[in-house]
Protein backbone atom coordinates (compact mmCIF):
# COMPACT_ATOMS: atom_id res chain seq x y z
CA UNK A 1 -15.76 -130.33 -49.09
CA UNK A 2 -12.07 -131.60 -49.15
CA UNK A 3 -8.76 -129.17 -50.19
CA UNK A 4 -8.05 -129.93 -53.95
CA UNK A 5 -4.02 -131.93 -53.69
CA UNK A 6 -3.47 -132.94 -57.20
CA UNK A 7 -5.17 -132.78 -60.59
CA UNK A 8 -3.64 -134.17 -63.69
CA UNK A 9 -5.46 -132.84 -66.76
CA UNK A 10 -5.12 -134.61 -70.11
CA UNK A 11 -1.24 -135.60 -69.27
CA UNK A 12 0.69 -137.59 -71.85
CA UNK A 13 4.01 -138.81 -70.96
CA UNK A 14 6.57 -140.52 -73.72
CA UNK A 15 10.17 -142.12 -73.45
CA UNK A 16 12.60 -141.62 -76.35
CA UNK A 17 10.06 -142.86 -79.38
CA UNK A 18 7.41 -143.94 -77.24
CA UNK A 19 4.34 -142.73 -75.24
CA UNK A 20 3.55 -144.35 -72.47
CA UNK A 21 0.74 -142.38 -70.86
CA UNK A 22 -2.52 -141.14 -72.87
CA UNK A 23 -4.88 -138.28 -71.94
CA UNK A 24 -4.48 -139.28 -68.23
CA UNK A 25 -7.10 -137.01 -66.09
CA UNK A 26 -6.65 -137.63 -62.33
CA UNK A 27 -7.99 -135.61 -59.31
CA UNK A 28 -7.02 -136.14 -55.47
CA UNK A 29 -8.14 -134.46 -52.57
CA UNK A 30 -7.07 -133.94 -49.25
CA UNK A 31 -7.35 -137.13 -46.83
CA UNK A 32 -8.21 -139.64 -49.82
CA UNK A 33 -6.49 -142.88 -50.48
CA UNK A 34 -6.90 -143.59 -54.70
CA UNK A 35 -5.44 -146.62 -55.85
CA UNK A 36 -3.83 -147.43 -59.42
CA UNK A 37 -4.58 -150.69 -60.29
CA UNK A 38 -3.38 -151.99 -63.98
CA UNK A 39 -1.25 -155.12 -65.24
CA UNK A 40 2.27 -155.06 -66.00
CA UNK A 41 3.61 -152.67 -68.18
CA UNK A 42 0.42 -150.60 -68.39
CA UNK A 43 2.40 -147.80 -67.47
CA UNK A 44 1.30 -147.15 -63.44
CA UNK A 45 4.75 -146.79 -62.12
CA UNK A 46 5.42 -144.31 -65.43
CA UNK A 47 2.82 -142.01 -63.82
CA UNK A 48 4.31 -141.55 -60.45
CA UNK A 49 7.71 -140.99 -62.02
CA UNK A 50 7.11 -138.04 -64.01
CA UNK A 51 4.90 -136.51 -61.65
CA UNK A 52 7.73 -136.55 -59.41
CA UNK A 53 9.91 -134.98 -62.04
CA UNK A 54 12.37 -137.70 -63.29
CA UNK A 55 14.18 -136.48 -66.05
CA UNK A 56 13.91 -139.43 -68.33
CA UNK A 57 10.11 -139.07 -68.99
CA UNK A 58 9.31 -136.28 -71.19
CA UNK A 59 6.12 -134.84 -70.71
CA UNK A 60 4.12 -134.46 -74.15
CA UNK A 61 0.72 -132.95 -73.18
CA UNK A 62 -1.57 -131.71 -70.39
CA UNK A 63 -1.49 -130.28 -67.06
CA UNK A 64 -0.72 -131.05 -63.41
CA UNK A 65 -1.60 -128.76 -60.70
CA UNK A 66 -0.41 -129.26 -57.11
CA UNK A 67 -1.88 -127.16 -54.00
CA UNK A 68 -2.46 -124.84 -56.49
CA UNK A 69 0.46 -124.04 -58.07
CA UNK A 70 1.82 -125.41 -61.58
CA UNK A 71 3.71 -129.28 -60.41
CA UNK A 72 5.42 -129.70 -64.06
CA UNK A 73 7.36 -125.93 -63.79
CA UNK A 74 8.92 -127.69 -60.36
CA UNK A 75 12.30 -129.00 -60.15
CA UNK A 76 12.40 -131.92 -58.44
CA UNK A 77 13.90 -131.48 -55.10
CA UNK A 78 10.90 -128.21 -55.39
CA UNK A 79 8.43 -130.65 -55.44
CA UNK A 80 9.77 -132.74 -52.63
CA UNK A 81 10.14 -129.60 -50.85
CA UNK A 82 6.12 -128.41 -51.84
CA UNK A 83 4.84 -131.79 -50.07
CA UNK A 84 4.84 -134.61 -52.66
CA UNK A 85 6.49 -138.03 -51.48
CA UNK A 86 7.10 -140.85 -53.49
CA UNK A 87 8.22 -144.42 -52.27
CA UNK A 88 10.25 -146.66 -55.19
CA UNK A 89 9.91 -150.04 -56.26
CA UNK A 90 13.63 -150.93 -55.67
CA UNK A 91 15.35 -148.03 -53.26
CA UNK A 92 18.96 -147.34 -53.87
CA UNK A 93 21.72 -147.63 -51.50
CA UNK A 94 23.31 -144.68 -50.47
CA UNK A 95 27.26 -145.88 -48.72
CA UNK A 96 27.79 -143.27 -46.33
CA UNK A 97 25.28 -141.27 -45.14
CA UNK A 98 23.06 -143.12 -42.49
CA UNK A 99 19.79 -143.65 -42.19
CA UNK A 100 19.38 -140.84 -39.45
CA UNK A 101 21.07 -138.55 -41.02
CA UNK A 102 19.32 -138.58 -44.37
CA UNK A 103 15.95 -138.47 -42.66
CA UNK A 104 17.43 -135.00 -40.85
CA UNK A 105 18.60 -133.45 -43.90
CA UNK A 106 15.87 -134.08 -45.95
CA UNK A 107 13.63 -133.10 -43.36
CA UNK A 108 16.00 -129.49 -42.80
CA UNK A 109 16.04 -129.49 -46.53
CA UNK A 110 11.81 -129.14 -46.35
CA UNK A 111 12.66 -126.07 -43.85
CA UNK A 112 11.76 -128.44 -40.89
CA UNK A 113 14.73 -127.98 -38.40
CA UNK A 114 14.30 -129.17 -34.79
CA UNK A 115 17.10 -129.88 -31.76
CA UNK A 116 19.19 -133.07 -32.13
CA UNK A 117 17.45 -134.39 -29.09
CA UNK A 118 13.92 -133.97 -30.12
CA UNK A 119 14.32 -135.39 -34.11
CA UNK A 120 15.87 -138.91 -32.15
CA UNK A 121 13.00 -138.80 -29.75
CA UNK A 122 9.94 -138.22 -32.95
CA UNK A 123 12.35 -140.94 -34.94
CA UNK A 124 12.32 -143.31 -31.76
CA UNK A 125 8.57 -142.67 -32.00
CA UNK A 126 8.20 -143.58 -35.68
CA UNK A 127 10.41 -146.48 -35.57
CA UNK A 128 8.79 -148.06 -32.46
CA UNK A 129 5.22 -147.64 -35.06
CA UNK A 130 7.26 -149.97 -37.53
CA UNK A 131 8.94 -152.24 -34.91
CA UNK A 132 12.33 -151.02 -36.35
CA UNK A 133 15.14 -151.74 -34.13
CA UNK A 134 17.40 -148.46 -33.28
CA UNK A 135 20.04 -149.84 -34.34
CA UNK A 136 19.08 -149.61 -38.14
CA UNK A 137 19.02 -145.27 -37.84
CA UNK A 138 22.75 -145.54 -37.40
CA UNK A 139 23.41 -147.86 -40.33
CA UNK A 140 23.85 -146.52 -44.37
CA UNK A 141 21.05 -145.96 -45.75
CA UNK A 142 19.81 -149.10 -47.49
CA UNK A 143 23.04 -150.61 -47.31
CA UNK A 144 22.95 -154.09 -46.30
CA UNK A 145 18.78 -153.70 -45.78
CA UNK A 146 16.63 -156.95 -46.42
CA UNK A 147 13.72 -155.92 -48.82
CA UNK A 148 10.95 -155.79 -45.96
CA UNK A 149 13.53 -153.21 -44.40
CA UNK A 150 14.38 -151.42 -47.40
CA UNK A 151 10.59 -150.94 -47.69
CA UNK A 152 9.54 -150.47 -44.04
CA UNK A 153 12.33 -147.72 -44.23
CA UNK A 154 10.39 -145.95 -47.11
CA UNK A 155 7.40 -145.83 -44.76
CA UNK A 156 9.61 -144.12 -41.94
CA UNK A 157 10.86 -141.72 -43.80
CA UNK A 158 7.06 -140.67 -45.20
CA UNK A 159 6.36 -140.71 -41.21
CA UNK A 160 8.79 -138.09 -40.63
CA UNK A 161 8.43 -135.79 -43.91
CA UNK A 162 4.71 -136.15 -43.65
CA UNK A 163 4.40 -134.84 -47.38
CA UNK A 164 0.71 -133.72 -48.65
CA UNK A 165 0.44 -136.31 -51.08
CA UNK A 166 2.45 -139.82 -51.10
CA UNK A 167 2.76 -141.99 -53.54
CA UNK A 168 4.09 -145.39 -52.88
CA UNK A 169 4.92 -147.06 -56.25
CA UNK A 170 4.40 -151.05 -55.40
CA UNK A 171 5.43 -150.72 -51.71
CA UNK A 172 3.97 -154.13 -50.78
CA UNK A 173 6.30 -156.07 -53.98
CA UNK A 174 8.28 -158.70 -52.66
CA UNK A 175 7.12 -158.48 -48.79
CA UNK A 176 6.10 -161.55 -47.15
CA UNK A 177 3.40 -161.49 -44.69
CA UNK A 178 4.57 -159.58 -41.73
CA UNK A 179 6.45 -157.53 -43.48
CA UNK A 180 3.23 -156.19 -45.57
CA UNK A 181 1.57 -155.51 -42.21
CA UNK A 182 3.72 -153.97 -40.87
CA UNK A 183 4.01 -151.65 -43.88
CA UNK A 184 -0.04 -151.02 -43.81
CA UNK A 185 0.42 -150.22 -40.46
CA UNK A 186 2.97 -147.95 -41.07
CA UNK A 187 0.49 -145.98 -43.85
CA UNK A 188 -2.20 -146.09 -41.34
CA UNK A 189 -0.09 -143.59 -39.25
CA UNK A 190 0.11 -141.47 -41.89
CA UNK A 191 -3.26 -141.05 -42.78
CA UNK A 192 -4.64 -141.10 -39.25
CA UNK A 193 -2.45 -138.68 -37.88
CA UNK A 194 -1.28 -136.34 -41.06
CA UNK A 195 -4.38 -136.45 -42.98
CA UNK A 196 -2.19 -137.01 -46.35
CA UNK A 197 -3.22 -137.72 -49.37
CA UNK A 198 -2.34 -141.50 -51.06
CA UNK A 199 -1.48 -142.76 -54.57
CA UNK A 200 -0.88 -146.10 -53.75
CA UNK A 201 0.54 -147.82 -57.23
CA UNK A 202 -0.20 -151.73 -57.23
CA UNK A 203 -1.08 -154.67 -59.06
CA UNK A 204 -1.23 -156.51 -55.45
CA UNK A 205 -3.67 -155.62 -53.04
CA UNK A 206 -2.48 -157.05 -50.28
CA UNK A 207 -1.67 -153.38 -48.86
CA UNK A 208 -5.05 -152.50 -49.20
CA UNK A 209 -6.78 -155.24 -47.17
CA UNK A 210 -6.23 -152.83 -44.02
CA UNK A 211 -7.31 -149.55 -45.70
CA UNK A 212 -10.43 -147.85 -46.47
CA UNK A 213 -10.00 -146.92 -50.35
CA UNK A 214 -11.96 -143.49 -51.91
CA UNK A 215 -11.42 -144.32 -55.45
CA UNK A 216 -10.08 -146.82 -57.68
CA UNK A 217 -8.26 -146.21 -61.40
CA UNK A 218 -7.43 -149.25 -63.99
CA UNK A 219 -4.62 -148.09 -66.34
CA UNK A 220 -4.50 -149.89 -69.40
CA UNK A 221 -2.24 -149.54 -72.36
CA UNK A 222 -1.70 -146.00 -70.97
CA UNK A 223 -5.12 -145.51 -70.57
CA UNK A 224 -7.51 -144.59 -67.42
CA UNK A 225 -10.24 -147.66 -68.45
CA UNK A 226 -12.44 -147.46 -65.68
CA UNK A 227 -13.46 -146.02 -62.20
CA UNK A 228 -14.91 -146.91 -59.09
CA UNK A 229 -14.63 -147.13 -55.44
CA UNK A 230 -13.13 -149.39 -53.29
CA UNK A 231 -15.53 -152.28 -54.19
CA UNK A 232 -13.64 -152.17 -57.78
CA UNK A 233 -10.68 -153.50 -55.71
CA UNK A 234 -12.30 -156.63 -54.89
CA UNK A 235 -13.64 -157.53 -58.04
CA UNK A 236 -10.63 -157.40 -59.74
CA UNK A 237 -9.00 -159.49 -57.21
CA UNK A 238 -11.96 -161.87 -58.41
CA UNK A 239 -11.54 -161.46 -62.20
CA UNK A 240 -8.38 -159.80 -62.83
CA UNK A 241 -8.10 -156.91 -66.25
CA UNK A 242 -8.70 -159.40 -68.82
CA UNK A 243 -12.34 -157.44 -69.40
CA UNK A 244 -10.48 -154.22 -69.36
CA UNK A 245 -7.81 -155.40 -72.19
CA UNK A 246 -9.89 -154.74 -75.04
CA UNK A 247 -11.21 -151.14 -73.89
């Protein structure tokens, strides 16, 4: 049996006076790929950012365990160190810190130290997977990067940090066909080499074309209203979310 990575039980989340998520339940096991779909404004990104510990979001009720530990009691940096990773819809620019130094520092914060030579070798290998030129490693993180380059940079971090669970929030949003293909290749590499679990948050399914989806969850108005396997993605592609909007 697969090892349980994440268990969300009756999670409700709010911002200010507004409740966004209502009694969400979700279990993700090692090596599984889960997809969270729903219309814009359904609360998909809220779930990812709340799990990562963004202080903007208030946990109103519920429990979350991550590899057997109480996730909600951890500070954001401790969640990352424990093996939780979140890619953002709009990665921020960090002037003055090179891409390579940022990744190496993040690895060291998680207790993974290696010689500079070994680090550069590993970084180049992963950059080759994503068809990234070596000079990107010396540029300031995300500064002047195109949308596609920023998303590739996040996937490179994913491959170097090898988390237990990667939450990818609209990773394919706004990308052209070639960029989506490259990002998909990186996600496949992560899944193949690290047996990590994935929670892919999306309302666009291009990135899923080359992935095996184990479980699909449909989120509408902050509630999971339908669940199924990968075939549910195809059904939504064909018919949209309309039939779920009245549930």
